[in-house]
Structure formats: structure tokens, C-alpha cells
Amino acid sequence: MHPRSVAVVAFLSLTVLAAENEVFEAGAPAEAETVEAQACRPTIACMAELVPAGYFEVEAGYGGRQSAGQFANSGQLLLKYSLLDHLQLQLATNNVFLVGAGLTPRAFDGVMPGLKWKVNDQGTWAPSNALSVHLMMPTHGFADASQKTWDLQAWWYLSKDVAFVHADFNLMLSVTNLGGTPVPQGLSTLAVAFDLTHGFGFFTEVYSTWGNAQAVPLDGGSLNGFSYAPIDELVFDVGGDVGFYPGTRAFTVFAGVTFVPHRRSRAPVVRRPVSTPGALASRGP
């Protein structure tokens, strides 16, 4: 073969090989080393942000609630899986267990499957936005069950970070008793969290339901607590909530944890880049 032809073939081969390496690297980016937990509980307000696609997030907590002269102990659980960076499946229950004086002990009293969609990320001035819908389903048929009817909740989430302050403003519309006479009721809430450095934080919230108080008792309160995140994927919290409507609830104490398993449930297949001639010599021993 003519020397000039050899040079042309070699040049084309190196060009194609470099292009393939570039495609592999662009099409299969390396997985992030850490994923920051996006805790919803214990505040009533939830942030608009989601964990990245392919990641699970688990939130679990304990709540001690004083109402109508009775103190009840309950466990909460929220499971989340991001199908896409902007779309998440959720499954929750406010009563993993429910026990207390005068109460029939029970487990998993009501479940709430849901879907959350993040509309946009934060901008320089604009907050991030998200929407969700949850169906609340009864799981027990006895008269004292906490969740007795099929209900629906629709949420609008707004979140913004400014320096060491994070704020979440939520509006929620609930429709109780879908199978009978539906009763709508609204809720508004504002939660503000402060980064105290070294993983510690303080959060405060004011919230209240409104509308149709005759059919569904109003609930609201002033919630305050502290959080600690030793790593990005793990957050602990503890605090209390003083109720605005003593007839519904006097106060609540709570503690919990939010964590994100480090690895994706479905890691993308990444082909090992092929070294180009000369690359080995440049790496050294």
C-alpha cells in the first residue's frame, strides 16, 4: 500500500476511535458520589426538590400526639422512588403503628400512594415548583380506625434557597369521603430551615387547614425542631409541635430519620473507554 494511503487510513481510524470514546463518555456520565437527602417529614411542608432518577429515599419517624385527653404513639413511613429526575413515585402511611390509652392497637392504619412531578428547578430569583397527588386509602374496617374513608390530596410545592436559609411554601387541597359526600378543605404552610454548619440545622413552621370546619375539624400549629446530617444521604430530626386548635390536638413531639441508599437501583451500563495510542505513555507508572 502506498505510504500516503497508510497515513490516511491511520488518521481516519484514530478519528473514529476518538469519536466513539467521546460518545461513550457523553452518553454514560459517571454516577454522583453523594446524593443529598430531600426530607419532607417532620414538617408539614415538603420541598419541591427530588432525589435523582433511579434512587430510593426512605423517611421514618415517631410521633407522640396529645388530643382529647389522650396521648397516642404512632409511627410514620414515606417511601420514595424517582422514576425520572422530575417524576417520583411515593407510598406513605401516618400509622405504621398506633397505640395509646383507650385506643385499639393497630398497624398500617391507612396507606397513601402518590405521584410527584417537579415542574422546574430554582433560578436566580424564581423558586422551584412541584405538584403531587395522593390517594388516601383505608386498610381497617373497625369503627375506631384512623383512616375510614377514601380521600384525595393535591399539593403545590414552592422551594427557595438563599444563602444558609431554605424555605418551603405549600398549598394543599384535600377532598374527604370520595365514596360518599365529598368535603373539600385547604391547607397552607410555610417552613423555614437554617443551616447551623457542621451538619446541624434548625427548622420552624407555621401551618393551618381552612374551610368546612363543621365537617372536618381544623388542625394547625407551630412546629419547631433541630436536624443533624452527618453525611449528605442521612438526616436525623427531633422537635415538637404546639397545636392552634386544642380541641383537635394540643401538642405533638417527634423524632425521625431520612436516608438515601447510596447506589442507584438500576446503574447505567458504562463501557470502559478504549485508550488511544500514546495515552499509556502519558500515564506513567
Protein backbone atom coordinates (compact mmCIF):
# COMPACT_ATOMS: atom_id res chain seq x y z
CA MET A 1 0.00 0.00 0.00
CA HIS A 2 1.20 3.49 -0.80
CA PRO A 3 2.64 5.33 2.26
CA ARG A 4 0.19 8.19 1.72
CA SER A 5 -2.74 5.72 1.80
CA VAL A 6 -1.43 4.24 5.04
CA ALA A 7 -1.31 7.69 6.61
CA VAL A 8 -4.87 8.47 5.54
CA VAL A 9 -6.21 5.15 6.88
CA ALA A 10 -4.39 5.67 10.19
CA PHE A 11 -5.77 9.20 10.54
CA LEU A 12 -9.36 8.08 9.83
CA SER A 13 -9.04 5.19 12.30
CA LEU A 14 -7.85 7.48 15.09
CA THR A 15 -10.63 10.00 14.34
CA VAL A 16 -13.36 7.34 14.51
CA LEU A 17 -11.90 5.87 17.72
CA ALA A 18 -11.78 9.27 19.40
CA ALA A 19 -15.37 9.98 18.35
CA GLU A 20 -16.53 6.65 19.86
CA ASN A 21 -14.81 7.44 23.16
CA GLU A 22 -16.48 10.85 23.24
CA VAL A 23 -19.92 9.32 22.61
CA PHE A 24 -19.49 6.76 25.40
CA GLU A 25 -18.38 9.41 27.88
CA ALA A 26 -21.21 11.80 26.97
CA GLY A 27 -23.87 9.11 26.87
CA ALA A 28 -22.99 7.48 30.19
CA PRO A 29 -21.84 10.05 32.73
CA ALA A 30 -20.30 8.87 35.97
CA GLU A 31 -22.68 8.45 38.87
CA ALA A 32 -22.54 11.15 41.55
CA GLU A 33 -20.56 10.18 44.63
CA THR A 34 -23.18 11.59 47.02
CA VAL A 35 -26.91 12.30 46.82
CA GLU A 36 -28.41 14.81 49.21
CA ALA A 37 -31.49 13.63 51.12
CA GLN A 38 -34.61 15.68 50.41
CA ALA A 39 -36.60 15.25 53.63
CA CYS A 40 -40.33 16.02 53.71
CA ARG A 41 -41.23 15.00 57.22
CA PRO A 42 -41.31 16.04 60.05
CA THR A 43 -42.57 19.40 58.71
CA ILE A 44 -45.99 19.51 57.10
CA ALA A 45 -44.49 21.40 54.16
CA CYS A 46 -42.37 19.40 51.74
CA MET A 47 -39.65 20.68 49.42
CA ALA A 48 -40.09 20.73 45.65
CA GLU A 49 -36.73 19.02 45.05
CA LEU A 50 -36.42 15.28 44.33
CA VAL A 51 -33.54 12.83 44.55
CA PRO A 52 -32.13 11.92 41.09
CA ALA A 53 -33.65 9.26 38.84
CA GLY A 54 -33.04 5.67 39.95
CA TYR A 55 -32.63 6.46 43.66
CA PHE A 56 -34.80 5.37 46.58
CA GLU A 57 -35.39 7.58 49.61
CA VAL A 58 -36.83 6.44 52.94
CA GLU A 59 -38.33 8.63 55.66
CA ALA A 60 -39.37 7.13 59.00
CA GLY A 61 -40.43 8.77 62.23
CA TYR A 62 -42.17 8.59 65.59
CA GLY A 63 -44.88 10.96 66.79
CA GLY A 64 -46.44 11.33 70.24
CA ARG A 65 -49.74 13.22 69.99
CA GLN A 66 -51.88 14.68 72.79
CA SER A 67 -55.53 15.22 71.83
CA ALA A 68 -58.92 14.94 73.55
CA GLY A 69 -57.24 13.97 76.83
CA GLN A 70 -55.43 11.01 75.23
CA PHE A 71 -51.78 10.53 74.31
CA ALA A 72 -51.23 8.40 71.21
CA ASN A 73 -47.98 6.95 69.90
CA SER A 74 -47.62 6.44 66.17
CA GLY A 75 -45.02 5.70 63.51
CA GLN A 76 -44.80 7.33 60.09
CA LEU A 77 -43.23 5.95 56.92
CA LEU A 78 -42.69 7.54 53.49
CA LEU A 79 -41.08 5.58 50.65
CA LYS A 80 -39.99 7.42 47.51
CA TYR A 81 -38.53 6.28 44.20
CA SER A 82 -37.58 8.68 41.42
CA LEU A 83 -38.52 7.26 38.02
CA LEU A 84 -37.04 10.37 36.38
CA ASP A 85 -35.22 13.41 37.70
CA HIS A 86 -38.58 15.20 37.65
CA LEU A 87 -41.01 12.34 38.40
CA GLN A 88 -41.30 10.35 41.64
CA LEU A 89 -43.47 7.51 42.98
CA GLN A 90 -44.43 7.72 46.67
CA LEU A 91 -46.06 5.43 49.21
CA ALA A 92 -46.79 6.61 52.76
CA THR A 93 -48.66 5.81 55.95
CA ASN A 94 -49.18 8.01 59.00
CA ASN A 95 -49.73 4.98 61.19
CA VAL A 96 -47.16 2.24 60.77
CA PHE A 97 -48.34 1.54 64.32
CA LEU A 98 -50.84 3.38 66.54
CA VAL A 99 -51.10 2.66 70.27
CA GLY A 100 -52.26 4.59 73.31
CA ALA A 101 -54.57 4.62 76.31
CA GLY A 102 -58.12 3.94 75.19
CA LEU A 103 -57.03 3.04 71.64
CA THR A 104 -57.19 -0.31 69.93
CA PRO A 105 -53.58 -1.11 68.94
CA ARG A 106 -53.19 -1.46 65.19
CA ALA A 107 -50.62 -1.43 62.37
CA PHE A 108 -50.73 0.24 58.95
CA ASP A 109 -53.94 2.16 59.53
CA GLY A 110 -54.34 3.78 56.10
CA VAL A 111 -51.92 3.99 53.17
CA MET A 112 -51.25 6.79 50.67
CA PRO A 113 -49.87 6.03 47.20
CA GLY A 114 -48.93 9.13 45.22
CA LEU A 115 -47.10 10.70 42.31
CA LYS A 116 -44.94 13.86 42.45
CA TRP A 117 -43.81 15.92 39.45
CA LYS A 118 -41.11 18.56 39.65
CA VAL A 119 -42.04 21.36 37.24
CA ASN A 120 -38.82 23.40 37.30
CA ASP A 121 -35.54 23.92 39.14
CA GLN A 122 -34.65 27.03 41.11
CA GLY A 123 -33.46 30.09 39.24
CA THR A 124 -31.63 33.18 40.38
CA TRP A 125 -34.86 34.62 41.72
CA ALA A 126 -37.54 32.04 40.89
CA PRO A 127 -38.31 29.17 43.30
CA SER A 128 -38.52 25.54 42.25
CA ASN A 129 -42.05 24.23 41.68
CA ALA A 130 -43.59 20.79 42.06
CA LEU A 131 -47.05 19.21 42.09
CA SER A 132 -48.30 15.96 43.60
CA VAL A 133 -51.46 13.94 44.06
CA HIS A 134 -52.07 11.29 46.74
CA LEU A 135 -54.94 8.85 47.28
CA MET A 136 -55.61 8.06 50.94
CA MET A 137 -56.98 4.52 51.35
CA PRO A 138 -58.44 2.81 54.47
CA THR A 139 -56.91 -0.52 55.48
CA HIS A 140 -59.06 -1.34 58.55
CA GLY A 141 -62.83 -1.63 58.81
CA PHE A 142 -63.44 -1.19 62.56
CA ALA A 143 -65.19 1.95 63.87
CA ASP A 144 -62.14 3.47 65.57
CA ALA A 145 -59.89 3.26 62.51
CA SER A 146 -57.91 6.42 61.89
CA GLN A 147 -58.44 6.30 58.10
CA LYS A 148 -62.10 5.45 57.46
CA THR A 149 -62.78 6.94 54.03
CA TRP A 150 -61.20 7.24 50.58
CA ASP A 151 -59.67 10.73 50.36
CA LEU A 152 -57.67 12.68 47.81
CA GLN A 153 -54.92 15.27 48.31
CA ALA A 154 -53.35 17.59 45.73
CA TRP A 155 -50.24 19.61 46.66
CA TRP A 156 -48.36 22.56 45.18
CA TYR A 157 -44.77 22.99 46.42
CA LEU A 158 -42.53 26.08 46.19
CA SER A 159 -38.92 25.96 47.46
CA LYS A 160 -36.08 28.50 47.51
CA ASP A 161 -32.54 28.64 48.89
CA VAL A 162 -30.99 31.95 49.93
CA ALA A 163 -27.51 31.67 51.45
CA PHE A 164 -27.88 29.40 54.53
CA VAL A 165 -31.71 29.61 54.57
CA HIS A 166 -34.11 27.18 52.84
CA ALA A 167 -37.84 27.98 52.61
CA ASP A 168 -40.78 25.78 51.55
CA PHE A 169 -44.29 27.13 50.94
CA ASN A 170 -47.06 24.62 50.23
CA LEU A 171 -50.75 24.78 49.37
CA MET A 172 -52.85 21.63 49.63
CA LEU A 173 -56.44 20.77 48.70
CA SER A 174 -57.92 17.67 50.29
CA VAL A 175 -61.23 16.06 49.37
CA THR A 176 -62.55 13.76 52.10
CA ASN A 177 -65.02 10.89 51.62
CA LEU A 178 -64.85 10.38 47.86
CA GLY A 179 -67.30 7.47 48.11
CA GLY A 180 -69.97 9.48 49.95
CA THR A 181 -70.42 13.24 50.21
CA PRO A 182 -67.06 14.77 49.23
CA VAL A 183 -65.85 17.51 51.57
CA PRO A 184 -63.04 19.84 50.37
CA GLN A 185 -60.65 21.51 52.78
CA GLY A 186 -57.49 23.55 52.18
CA LEU A 187 -54.15 23.82 53.94
CA SER A 188 -51.38 26.40 53.74
CA THR A 189 -47.97 26.10 55.35
CA LEU A 190 -44.59 27.84 55.43
CA ALA A 191 -41.44 26.11 56.71
CA VAL A 192 -38.02 27.76 57.01
CA ALA A 193 -34.78 25.85 57.74
CA PHE A 194 -31.46 27.37 58.80
CA ASP A 195 -28.06 25.75 58.24
CA LEU A 196 -26.10 26.00 61.51
CA THR A 197 -22.92 24.48 59.94
CA HIS A 198 -21.24 21.12 60.65
CA GLY A 199 -24.42 19.28 59.58
CA PHE A 200 -26.69 20.86 62.21
CA GLY A 201 -29.82 22.79 61.35
CA PHE A 202 -32.88 24.42 62.88
CA PHE A 203 -36.33 24.50 61.27
CA THR A 204 -39.57 26.28 62.12
CA GLU A 205 -43.02 26.11 60.53
CA VAL A 206 -46.49 27.64 60.81
CA TYR A 207 -49.43 25.87 59.15
CA SER A 208 -53.21 25.55 59.29
CA THR A 209 -56.12 23.95 57.48
CA TRP A 210 -59.10 26.09 56.44
CA GLY A 211 -62.65 25.61 55.20
CA ASN A 212 -65.52 23.26 56.12
CA ALA A 213 -64.63 23.16 59.81
CA GLN A 214 -68.10 21.78 60.63
CA ALA A 215 -67.46 18.62 58.61
CA VAL A 216 -63.69 18.20 59.11
CA PRO A 217 -62.11 19.65 62.29
CA LEU A 218 -59.44 22.24 61.64
CA ASP A 219 -55.83 21.42 62.51
CA GLY A 220 -52.73 23.60 62.59
CA GLY A 221 -49.78 24.52 64.69
CA SER A 222 -46.34 25.97 65.24
CA LEU A 223 -43.68 23.33 64.63
CA ASN A 224 -40.01 23.67 65.62
CA GLY A 225 -37.07 21.31 65.72
CA PHE A 226 -33.43 20.51 65.05
CA SER A 227 -31.81 18.35 62.39
CA TYR A 228 -28.42 16.73 62.00
CA ALA A 229 -26.93 15.42 58.75
CA PRO A 230 -23.60 13.60 59.37
CA ILE A 231 -23.45 12.87 55.60
CA ASP A 232 -25.49 14.12 52.64
CA GLU A 233 -27.54 10.91 52.40
CA LEU A 234 -28.62 10.82 56.06
CA VAL A 235 -30.66 13.28 58.18
CA PHE A 236 -31.91 12.94 61.78
CA ASP A 237 -34.54 15.23 63.31
CA VAL A 238 -36.24 15.90 66.64
CA GLY A 239 -38.70 18.54 67.85
CA GLY A 240 -42.24 19.47 68.84
CA ASP A 241 -45.44 20.99 67.50
CA VAL A 242 -47.91 23.11 69.53
CA GLY A 243 -51.44 22.95 68.13
CA PHE A 244 -53.55 26.02 67.29
CA TYR A 245 -56.81 24.10 67.85
CA PRO A 246 -56.69 22.35 71.27
CA GLY A 247 -59.94 20.54 70.56
CA THR A 248 -58.23 18.76 67.68
CA ARG A 249 -54.69 18.44 69.03
CA ALA A 250 -52.82 20.07 71.91
CA PHE A 251 -49.24 19.17 71.03
CA THR A 252 -47.02 16.63 69.26
CA VAL A 253 -43.44 15.51 69.87
CA PHE A 254 -41.48 13.78 67.11
CA ALA A 255 -38.20 12.21 66.08
CA GLY A 256 -37.14 10.59 62.85
CA VAL A 257 -34.63 9.80 60.14
CA THR A 258 -34.37 10.25 56.36
CA PHE A 259 -31.83 8.34 54.27
CA VAL A 260 -30.91 7.60 50.67
CA PRO A 261 -29.27 4.27 49.76
CA HIS A 262 -26.02 5.22 48.02
CA ARG A 263 -26.36 3.25 44.80
CA ARG A 264 -28.97 3.56 42.10
CA SER A 265 -31.44 0.70 41.78
CA ARG A 266 -30.53 0.45 38.09
CA ALA A 267 -26.96 1.64 37.43
CA PRO A 268 -26.37 2.62 33.79
CA VAL A 269 -24.08 0.37 31.78
CA VAL A 270 -20.82 2.22 31.15
CA ARG A 271 -18.34 0.90 28.60
CA ARG A 272 -14.72 1.23 29.56
CA PRO A 273 -13.07 3.87 27.36
CA VAL A 274 -10.54 2.48 24.88
CA SER A 275 -7.12 4.03 25.26
CA THR A 276 -5.84 5.88 22.22
CA PRO A 277 -2.25 5.36 21.05
CA GLY A 278 0.11 7.37 23.16
CA ALA A 279 -2.22 7.54 26.14
CA LEU A 280 -0.43 4.74 28.00
CA ALA A 281 2.88 6.51 27.66
CA SER A 282 1.48 9.70 29.16
CA ARG A 283 0.08 7.98 32.31
CA GLY A 284 3.40 6.99 33.78
CA PRO A 285 3.91 4.10 36.22
